[in-house]
């Protein structure tokens, strides 16, 4: 199968290269949260269950469990596949030249002249961030801390997105949750093909993100209150803090690559 001693974690399925069978990755991908694996196909999940029967636990045939369910796939399907009764889906990778599924989280890949860092699986694809900043910019000269109406967003979509489009890569819509640091949800969310990391995603992928050593913006507001309209940013030490939207910081584009 696609995993081996190096990639399968604590319960690997080891095979020789002659025995290894490559399984194409269908959409949507399946996530199995119990052991932290991400499986690209029903066949891969069934393979893991076949070698780790304890994961089936006491789940009876015919029941659907959320951790094993995606796109209507039930335990019936998995038992059928284990006994060879089901057909597996196949498809061509959306970005075959990038080899995204072969790159570990925190690994680097090139799109044209730009180096990206793979963070992890988010929103149906691979979330990645530019290794270096693309520009330095005030968040909004009128001190508005809503990313949806920010000057940063305008520049990312008019200056950086065309570069990726010219390289022919396939991107997925990236939805940024604009929940403020104090918990307010007035700004809702913002969906683009390129954006900034939110404070939550920065914290989630802290160890995969190379530190710039300079201030850089996040998409998250500090609050939506009139007197506290600051923006979250990462300082030179890698600490999440807040700053006036009128200040200038560096911007590292983030986007989701289709797989």
C-alpha atoms as a PDB file:
ATOM      1  CA  UNK A   1       0.000   0.000   0.000  1.00  0.00           C
ATOM      2  CA  UNK A   2       0.961   3.627   0.057  1.00  0.00           C
ATOM      3  CA  UNK A   3       2.260   3.656   3.631  1.00  0.00           C
ATOM      4  CA  UNK A   4       5.332   1.898   4.988  1.00  0.00           C
ATOM      5  CA  UNK A   5       7.463   1.819   8.139  1.00  0.00           C
ATOM      6  CA  UNK A   6       8.329   5.509   7.847  1.00  0.00           C
ATOM      7  CA  UNK A   7       4.864   6.877   7.121  1.00  0.00           C
ATOM      8  CA  UNK A   8       2.380   4.654   8.926  1.00  0.00           C
ATOM      9  CA  UNK A   9       3.052   5.751  12.503  1.00  0.00           C
ATOM     10  CA  UNK A  10       2.946   3.276  15.363  1.00  0.00           C
ATOM     11  CA  UNK A  11       1.096   0.535  13.450  1.00  0.00           C
ATOM     12  CA  UNK A  12       2.809   0.318  10.071  1.00  0.00           C
ATOM     13  CA  UNK A  13       1.986  -2.107   7.307  1.00  0.00           C
ATOM     14  CA  UNK A  14       5.409  -3.024   5.910  1.00  0.00           C
ATOM     15  CA  UNK A  15       5.805  -4.492   2.437  1.00  0.00           C
ATOM     16  CA  UNK A  16       8.545  -4.893  -0.108  1.00  0.00           C
ATOM     17  CA  UNK A  17       8.485  -2.606  -3.123  1.00  0.00           C
ATOM     18  CA  UNK A  18       7.363  -5.530  -5.281  1.00  0.00           C
ATOM     19  CA  UNK A  19       4.362  -6.141  -3.025  1.00  0.00           C
ATOM     20  CA  UNK A  20       3.451  -2.485  -2.635  1.00  0.00           C
ATOM     21  CA  UNK A  21       0.320  -1.424  -4.496  1.00  0.00           C
ATOM     22  CA  UNK A  22      -0.295   2.244  -5.233  1.00  0.00           C
ATOM     23  CA  UNK A  23      -3.903   3.324  -4.710  1.00  0.00           C
ATOM     24  CA  UNK A  24      -5.060   6.545  -6.436  1.00  0.00           C
ATOM     25  CA  UNK A  25      -6.651   9.128  -4.183  1.00  0.00           C
ATOM     26  CA  UNK A  26     -10.354   9.804  -4.721  1.00  0.00           C
ATOM     27  CA  UNK A  27     -12.292  12.816  -3.543  1.00  0.00           C
ATOM     28  CA  UNK A  28     -13.273  13.331  -0.812  1.00  0.00           C
ATOM     29  CA  UNK A  29     -10.432  12.007   1.339  1.00  0.00           C
ATOM     30  CA  UNK A  30     -11.303  10.002   4.425  1.00  0.00           C
ATOM     31  CA  UNK A  31     -10.042  10.965   7.842  1.00  0.00           C
ATOM     32  CA  UNK A  32      -9.674   8.472  10.654  1.00  0.00           C
ATOM     33  CA  UNK A  33      -9.072  10.454  13.802  1.00  0.00           C
ATOM     34  CA  UNK A  34      -8.540   7.623  16.266  1.00  0.00           C
ATOM     35  CA  UNK A  35      -4.923   7.011  15.324  1.00  0.00           C
ATOM     36  CA  UNK A  36      -4.182  10.258  13.536  1.00  0.00           C
ATOM     37  CA  UNK A  37      -4.039   8.690  10.083  1.00  0.00           C
ATOM     38  CA  UNK A  38      -5.471  10.286   6.967  1.00  0.00           C
ATOM     39  CA  UNK A  39      -6.555   7.810   4.329  1.00  0.00           C
ATOM     40  CA  UNK A  40      -6.859   8.739   0.680  1.00  0.00           C
ATOM     41  CA  UNK A  41      -9.319   6.026  -0.277  1.00  0.00           C
ATOM     42  CA  UNK A  42     -11.724   3.490   1.112  1.00  0.00           C
ATOM     43  CA  UNK A  43      -9.276   0.800   0.020  1.00  0.00           C
ATOM     44  CA  UNK A  44      -6.533   2.283   2.190  1.00  0.00           C
ATOM     45  CA  UNK A  45      -8.824   2.470   5.194  1.00  0.00           C
ATOM     46  CA  UNK A  46      -9.946  -1.122   4.674  1.00  0.00           C
ATOM     47  CA  UNK A  47      -6.315  -2.209   4.390  1.00  0.00           C
ATOM     48  CA  UNK A  48      -5.547  -0.608   7.733  1.00  0.00           C
ATOM     49  CA  UNK A  49      -8.599  -2.211   9.366  1.00  0.00           C
ATOM     50  CA  UNK A  50      -7.592  -5.584   7.961  1.00  0.00           C
ATOM     51  CA  UNK A  51      -4.254  -5.358   9.792  1.00  0.00           C
ATOM     52  CA  UNK A  52      -5.610  -3.614  12.879  1.00  0.00           C
ATOM     53  CA  UNK A  53      -8.824  -5.421  13.645  1.00  0.00           C
ATOM     54  CA  UNK A  54      -9.033  -3.843  17.094  1.00  0.00           C
ATOM     55  CA  UNK A  55      -9.974  -0.574  15.403  1.00  0.00           C
ATOM     56  CA  UNK A  56     -13.274  -2.144  14.449  1.00  0.00           C
ATOM     57  CA  UNK A  57     -13.993  -2.551  18.152  1.00  0.00           C
ATOM     58  CA  UNK A  58     -17.612  -3.382  18.798  1.00  0.00           C
ATOM     59  CA  UNK A  59     -18.975  -1.491  15.783  1.00  0.00           C
ATOM     60  CA  UNK A  60     -21.718  -3.772  14.377  1.00  0.00           C
ATOM     61  CA  UNK A  61     -22.166  -4.343  10.670  1.00  0.00           C
ATOM     62  CA  UNK A  62     -24.541  -1.830   9.120  1.00  0.00           C
ATOM     63  CA  UNK A  63     -23.828   1.053  11.488  1.00  0.00           C
ATOM     64  CA  UNK A  64     -22.274   4.366  10.515  1.00  0.00           C
ATOM     65  CA  UNK A  65     -19.723   5.948  12.790  1.00  0.00           C
ATOM     66  CA  UNK A  66     -18.624   9.531  12.190  1.00  0.00           C
ATOM     67  CA  UNK A  67     -14.921   8.785  12.449  1.00  0.00           C
ATOM     68  CA  UNK A  68     -15.283   6.170   9.694  1.00  0.00           C
ATOM     69  CA  UNK A  69     -17.840   8.043   7.608  1.00  0.00           C
ATOM     70  CA  UNK A  70     -17.328  10.490   4.760  1.00  0.00           C
ATOM     71  CA  UNK A  71     -19.541  11.114   1.782  1.00  0.00           C
ATOM     72  CA  UNK A  72     -22.047   8.404   2.758  1.00  0.00           C
ATOM     73  CA  UNK A  73     -19.481   5.634   3.243  1.00  0.00           C
ATOM     74  CA  UNK A  74     -20.712   3.225   5.934  1.00  0.00           C
ATOM     75  CA  UNK A  75     -19.301   0.279   7.800  1.00  0.00           C
ATOM     76  CA  UNK A  76     -21.190  -1.940   5.319  1.00  0.00           C
ATOM     77  CA  UNK A  77     -19.006  -0.541   2.537  1.00  0.00           C
ATOM     78  CA  UNK A  78     -15.864  -1.257   4.508  1.00  0.00           C
ATOM     79  CA  UNK A  79     -16.825  -4.813   5.363  1.00  0.00           C
ATOM     80  CA  UNK A  80     -17.744  -5.364   1.721  1.00  0.00           C
ATOM     81  CA  UNK A  81     -14.384  -4.044   0.579  1.00  0.00           C
ATOM     82  CA  UNK A  82     -12.566  -6.187   3.102  1.00  0.00           C
ATOM     83  CA  UNK A  83     -14.210  -9.205   1.531  1.00  0.00           C
ATOM     84  CA  UNK A  84     -13.537  -7.945  -1.988  1.00  0.00           C
ATOM     85  CA  UNK A  85     -17.132  -7.084  -2.840  1.00  0.00           C
ATOM     86  CA  UNK A  86     -16.711  -3.351  -3.470  1.00  0.00           C
ATOM     87  CA  UNK A  87     -15.133  -1.397  -6.294  1.00  0.00           C
ATOM     88  CA  UNK A  88     -12.611   1.277  -5.305  1.00  0.00           C
ATOM     89  CA  UNK A  89     -12.762   4.780  -6.773  1.00  0.00           C
ATOM     90  CA  UNK A  90      -9.904   6.257  -8.747  1.00  0.00           C
ATOM     91  CA  UNK A  91      -9.050   9.665 -10.124  1.00  0.00           C
ATOM     92  CA  UNK A  92      -6.122  11.616 -11.494  1.00  0.00           C
ATOM     93  CA  UNK A  93      -4.312  13.910  -9.010  1.00  0.00           C
ATOM     94  CA  UNK A  94      -5.337  17.552  -9.414  1.00  0.00           C
ATOM     95  CA  UNK A  95      -1.723  18.776  -9.131  1.00  0.00           C
ATOM     96  CA  UNK A  96       0.363  15.789 -10.257  1.00  0.00           C
ATOM     97  CA  UNK A  97       3.598  17.759 -10.662  1.00  0.00           C
ATOM     98  CA  UNK A  98       3.604  18.867  -7.019  1.00  0.00           C
ATOM     99  CA  UNK A  99       3.521  15.347  -5.492  1.00  0.00           C
ATOM    100  CA  UNK A 100       1.765  16.804  -2.448  1.00  0.00           C
ATOM    101  CA  UNK A 101       0.894  13.453  -0.911  1.00  0.00           C
ATOM    102  CA  UNK A 102       4.541  12.414  -0.930  1.00  0.00           C
ATOM    103  CA  UNK A 103       5.637  15.500   1.037  1.00  0.00           C
ATOM    104  CA  UNK A 104       5.510  15.338   4.865  1.00  0.00           C
ATOM    105  CA  UNK A 105       3.818  18.084   6.846  1.00  0.00           C
ATOM    106  CA  UNK A 106       6.396  20.838   7.222  1.00  0.00           C
ATOM    107  CA  UNK A 107       8.067  19.851   3.942  1.00  0.00           C
ATOM    108  CA  UNK A 108       8.704  22.260   1.093  1.00  0.00           C
ATOM    109  CA  UNK A 109       7.665  22.317  -2.555  1.00  0.00           C
ATOM    110  CA  UNK A 110       8.051  24.778  -5.405  1.00  0.00           C
ATOM    111  CA  UNK A 111       5.404  26.478  -7.500  1.00  0.00           C
ATOM    112  CA  UNK A 112       7.316  28.317 -10.168  1.00  0.00           C
ATOM    113  CA  UNK A 113       9.883  30.464  -8.355  1.00  0.00           C
ATOM    114  CA  UNK A 114       8.033  30.366  -5.038  1.00  0.00           C
ATOM    115  CA  UNK A 115       8.720  27.981  -2.179  1.00  0.00           C
ATOM    116  CA  UNK A 116       5.730  26.751  -0.182  1.00  0.00           C
ATOM    117  CA  UNK A 117       5.611  24.861   3.102  1.00  0.00           C
ATOM    118  CA  UNK A 118       3.024  22.100   3.400  1.00  0.00           C
ATOM    119  CA  UNK A 119       1.103  22.417   6.659  1.00  0.00           C
ATOM    120  CA  UNK A 120      -1.556  19.718   6.545  1.00  0.00           C
ATOM    121  CA  UNK A 121      -4.941  18.530   5.362  1.00  0.00           C
ATOM    122  CA  UNK A 122      -7.614  21.263   5.594  1.00  0.00           C
ATOM    123  CA  UNK A 123     -10.938  21.898   3.867  1.00  0.00           C
ATOM    124  CA  UNK A 124     -10.567  19.043   1.399  1.00  0.00           C
ATOM    125  CA  UNK A 125      -7.031  19.780   0.241  1.00  0.00           C
ATOM    126  CA  UNK A 126      -3.496  20.609   1.369  1.00  0.00           C
ATOM    127  CA  UNK A 127      -3.038  23.869   3.256  1.00  0.00           C
ATOM    128  CA  UNK A 128       0.296  25.498   2.487  1.00  0.00           C
ATOM    129  CA  UNK A 129       1.953  28.812   3.255  1.00  0.00           C
ATOM    130  CA  UNK A 130       4.611  30.734   1.376  1.00  0.00           C
ATOM    131  CA  UNK A 131       7.982  30.226   3.056  1.00  0.00           C
ATOM    132  CA  UNK A 132       8.920  33.894   2.782  1.00  0.00           C
ATOM    133  CA  UNK A 133       6.798  37.043   2.901  1.00  0.00           C
ATOM    134  CA  UNK A 134       5.400  38.336  -0.378  1.00  0.00           C
ATOM    135  CA  UNK A 135       4.993  42.006   0.582  1.00  0.00           C
ATOM    136  CA  UNK A 136       4.835  44.384   3.530  1.00  0.00           C
ATOM    137  CA  UNK A 137       1.568  46.263   3.892  1.00  0.00           C
ATOM    138  CA  UNK A 138      -0.662  48.150   6.305  1.00  0.00           C
ATOM    139  CA  UNK A 139      -3.648  45.952   7.100  1.00  0.00           C
ATOM    140  CA  UNK A 140      -6.001  48.835   6.384  1.00  0.00           C
ATOM    141  CA  UNK A 141      -5.152  52.527   6.330  1.00  0.00           C
ATOM    142  CA  UNK A 142      -8.589  53.437   7.717  1.00  0.00           C
ATOM    143  CA  UNK A 143      -7.903  51.158  10.745  1.00  0.00           C
ATOM    144  CA  UNK A 144     -10.681  48.727   9.791  1.00  0.00           C
ATOM    145  CA  UNK A 145      -9.642  45.312  11.144  1.00  0.00           C
ATOM    146  CA  UNK A 146     -12.076  43.230   9.037  1.00  0.00           C
ATOM    147  CA  UNK A 147      -9.998  41.102   6.675  1.00  0.00           C
ATOM    148  CA  UNK A 148     -12.833  41.056   4.115  1.00  0.00           C
ATOM    149  CA  UNK A 149     -12.354  44.763   3.417  1.00  0.00           C
ATOM    150  CA  UNK A 150      -8.608  44.923   4.013  1.00  0.00           C
ATOM    151  CA  UNK A 151      -5.946  46.196   1.663  1.00  0.00           C
ATOM    152  CA  UNK A 152      -3.993  43.008   2.342  1.00  0.00           C
ATOM    153  CA  UNK A 153      -6.786  40.924   0.839  1.00  0.00           C
ATOM    154  CA  UNK A 154      -6.929  43.144  -2.238  1.00  0.00           C
ATOM    155  CA  UNK A 155      -3.209  42.817  -2.901  1.00  0.00           C
ATOM    156  CA  UNK A 156      -3.154  39.054  -2.360  1.00  0.00           C
ATOM    157  CA  UNK A 157      -5.936  38.559  -4.890  1.00  0.00           C
ATOM    158  CA  UNK A 158      -4.645  41.000  -7.478  1.00  0.00           C
ATOM    159  CA  UNK A 159      -0.883  40.409  -7.178  1.00  0.00           C
ATOM    160  CA  UNK A 160      -0.234  36.903  -5.852  1.00  0.00           C
ATOM    161  CA  UNK A 161      -3.184  34.854  -7.073  1.00  0.00           C
ATOM    162  CA  UNK A 162      -2.431  35.594 -10.761  1.00  0.00           C
ATOM    163  CA  UNK A 163       1.057  34.149 -10.245  1.00  0.00           C
ATOM    164  CA  UNK A 164      -0.396  30.839  -9.093  1.00  0.00           C
ATOM    165  CA  UNK A 165      -2.973  30.851 -11.877  1.00  0.00           C
ATOM    166  CA  UNK A 166      -0.218  31.399 -14.437  1.00  0.00           C
ATOM    167  CA  UNK A 167       1.561  28.297 -13.081  1.00  0.00           C
ATOM    168  CA  UNK A 168      -1.571  26.240 -13.750  1.00  0.00           C
ATOM    169  CA  UNK A 169      -2.032  24.899 -10.220  1.00  0.00           C
ATOM    170  CA  UNK A 170      -5.498  23.911  -9.035  1.00  0.00           C
ATOM    171  CA  UNK A 171      -6.580  25.621  -5.829  1.00  0.00           C
ATOM    172  CA  UNK A 172      -9.581  25.040  -3.622  1.00  0.00           C
ATOM    173  CA  UNK A 173     -11.571  27.850  -1.970  1.00  0.00           C
ATOM    174  CA  UNK A 174      -9.951  28.700   1.351  1.00  0.00           C
ATOM    175  CA  UNK A 175     -12.415  29.817   4.022  1.00  0.00           C
ATOM    176  CA  UNK A 176     -10.924  31.934   6.792  1.00  0.00           C
ATOM    177  CA  UNK A 177     -12.930  31.935  10.017  1.00  0.00           C
ATOM    178  CA  UNK A 178     -12.856  35.572  11.145  1.00  0.00           C
ATOM    179  CA  UNK A 179     -13.907  34.843  14.712  1.00  0.00           C
ATOM    180  CA  UNK A 180     -12.206  37.514  16.800  1.00  0.00           C
ATOM    181  CA  UNK A 181      -9.663  36.672  19.475  1.00  0.00           C
ATOM    182  CA  UNK A 182     -12.211  37.709  22.117  1.00  0.00           C
ATOM    183  CA  UNK A 183     -14.800  35.336  20.624  1.00  0.00           C
ATOM    184  CA  UNK A 184     -16.954  37.765  18.600  1.00  0.00           C
ATOM    185  CA  UNK A 185     -18.252  36.458  15.276  1.00  0.00           C
ATOM    186  CA  UNK A 186     -19.489  39.740  13.724  1.00  0.00           C
ATOM    187  CA  UNK A 187     -17.212  39.415  10.682  1.00  0.00           C
ATOM    188  CA  UNK A 188     -18.290  35.868   9.817  1.00  0.00           C
ATOM    189  CA  UNK A 189     -15.843  34.287   7.386  1.00  0.00           C
ATOM    190  CA  UNK A 190     -14.045  35.140   4.160  1.00  0.00           C
ATOM    191  CA  UNK A 191     -13.494  32.740   1.266  1.00  0.00           C
ATOM    192  CA  UNK A 192     -10.833  33.283  -1.407  1.00  0.00           C
ATOM    193  CA  UNK A 193      -8.361  31.154  -3.320  1.00  0.00           C
ATOM    194  CA  UNK A 194      -5.536  32.852  -1.429  1.00  0.00           C
ATOM    195  CA  UNK A 195      -5.475  34.490   1.977  1.00  0.00           C
ATOM    196  CA  UNK A 196      -3.668  34.616   5.318  1.00  0.00           C
ATOM    197  CA  UNK A 197      -3.528  32.104   8.122  1.00  0.00           C
ATOM    198  CA  UNK A 198      -5.900  32.695  11.003  1.00  0.00           C
ATOM    199  CA  UNK A 199      -4.597  32.762  14.562  1.00  0.00           C
ATOM    200  CA  UNK A 200      -6.113  29.327  15.191  1.00  0.00           C
ATOM    201  CA  UNK A 201      -4.385  27.798  12.164  1.00  0.00           C
ATOM    202  CA  UNK A 202      -1.090  29.439  13.107  1.00  0.00           C
ATOM    203  CA  UNK A 203      -1.307  27.839  16.548  1.00  0.00           C
ATOM    204  CA  UNK A 204      -2.326  24.479  15.073  1.00  0.00           C
ATOM    205  CA  UNK A 205       0.638  24.366  12.706  1.00  0.00           C
ATOM    206  CA  UNK A 206       3.122  26.267  14.843  1.00  0.00           C
ATOM    207  CA  UNK A 207       5.819  23.615  14.574  1.00  0.00           C
ATOM    208  CA  UNK A 208       5.476  23.259  10.804  1.00  0.00           C
ATOM    209  CA  UNK A 209       5.667  26.992  10.041  1.00  0.00           C
ATOM    210  CA  UNK A 210       9.138  28.472   9.462  1.00  0.00           C
ATOM    211  CA  UNK A 211       9.493  31.645  11.522  1.00  0.00           C
ATOM    212  CA  UNK A 212      10.196  34.828   9.590  1.00  0.00           C
ATOM    213  CA  UNK A 213      11.899  36.641  12.450  1.00  0.00           C
ATOM    214  CA  UNK A 214       9.766  39.653  11.494  1.00  0.00           C
ATOM    215  CA  UNK A 215       6.226  40.789  12.166  1.00  0.00           C
ATOM    216  CA  UNK A 216       3.575  39.218   9.916  1.00  0.00           C
ATOM    217  CA  UNK A 217      -0.194  39.627   9.721  1.00  0.00           C
ATOM    218  CA  UNK A 218      -2.825  37.019  10.482  1.00  0.00           C
ATOM    219  CA  UNK A 219      -6.413  37.292   9.234  1.00  0.00           C
ATOM    220  CA  UNK A 220      -7.915  37.221  12.752  1.00  0.00           C
ATOM    221  CA  UNK A 221      -9.252  40.418  14.371  1.00  0.00           C
ATOM    222  CA  UNK A 222      -8.555  41.082  18.032  1.00  0.00           C
ATOM    223  CA  UNK A 223     -12.159  42.150  18.583  1.00  0.00           C
ATOM    224  CA  UNK A 224     -15.063  43.703  16.707  1.00  0.00           C
ATOM    225  CA  UNK A 225     -15.601  46.400  19.331  1.00  0.00           C
ATOM    226  CA  UNK A 226     -15.255  49.948  18.030  1.00  0.00           C
ATOM    227  CA  UNK A 227     -12.533  50.928  20.505  1.00  0.00           C
ATOM    228  CA  UNK A 228     -10.505  47.723  20.153  1.00  0.00           C
ATOM    229  CA  UNK A 229     -10.276  47.119  16.423  1.00  0.00           C
ATOM    230  CA  UNK A 230      -6.818  45.607  16.391  1.00  0.00           C
ATOM    231  CA  UNK A 231      -5.519  42.766  14.242  1.00  0.00           C
ATOM    232  CA  UNK A 232      -3.684  39.647  15.359  1.00  0.00           C
ATOM    233  CA  UNK A 233      -0.149  39.218  14.084  1.00  0.00           C
ATOM    234  CA  UNK A 234       2.955  37.126  14.724  1.00  0.00           C
ATOM    235  CA  UNK A 235       5.877  39.103  16.115  1.00  0.00           C
ATOM    236  CA  UNK A 236       9.546  38.560  15.363  1.00  0.00           C
ATOM    237  CA  UNK A 237       9.794  35.978  18.152  1.00  0.00           C
ATOM    238  CA  UNK A 238       6.902  33.919  16.801  1.00  0.00           C
ATOM    239  CA  UNK A 239       4.460  35.118  19.485  1.00  0.00           C
ATOM    240  CA  UNK A 240       0.838  35.878  18.563  1.00  0.00           C
ATOM    241  CA  UNK A 241      -0.077  39.419  19.588  1.00  0.00           C
ATOM    242  CA  UNK A 242      -2.217  42.298  18.312  1.00  0.00           C
ATOM    243  CA  UNK A 243      -1.537  45.576  16.553  1.00  0.00           C
ATOM    244  CA  UNK A 244      -3.343  48.519  15.002  1.00  0.00           C
ATOM    245  CA  UNK A 245      -4.580  47.845  11.476  1.00  0.00           C
ATOM    246  CA  UNK A 246      -2.809  51.051  10.448  1.00  0.00           C
ATOM    247  CA  UNK A 247       0.610  49.503  11.111  1.00  0.00           C
ATOM    248  CA  UNK A 248       2.550  47.706   8.387  1.00  0.00           C
ATOM    249  CA  UNK A 249       3.590  44.048   8.685  1.00  0.00           C
ATOM    250  CA  UNK A 250       4.675  41.359   6.291  1.00  0.00           C
ATOM    251  CA  UNK A 251       2.227  39.051   4.566  1.00  0.00           C
ATOM    252  CA  UNK A 252       2.707  35.378   3.745  1.00  0.00           C
ATOM    253  CA  UNK A 253       0.011  34.015   1.431  1.00  0.00           C
ATOM    254  CA  UNK A 254      -1.734  30.800   2.417  1.00  0.00           C
ATOM    255  CA  UNK A 255      -3.847  28.648   0.127  1.00  0.00           C
ATOM    256  CA  UNK A 256      -5.304  25.186  -0.259  1.00  0.00           C
ATOM    257  CA  UNK A 257      -3.993  23.003  -3.075  1.00  0.00           C
ATOM    258  CA  UNK A 258      -6.319  20.433  -4.578  1.00  0.00           C
ATOM    259  CA  UNK A 259      -5.124  16.817  -4.316  1.00  0.00           C
END
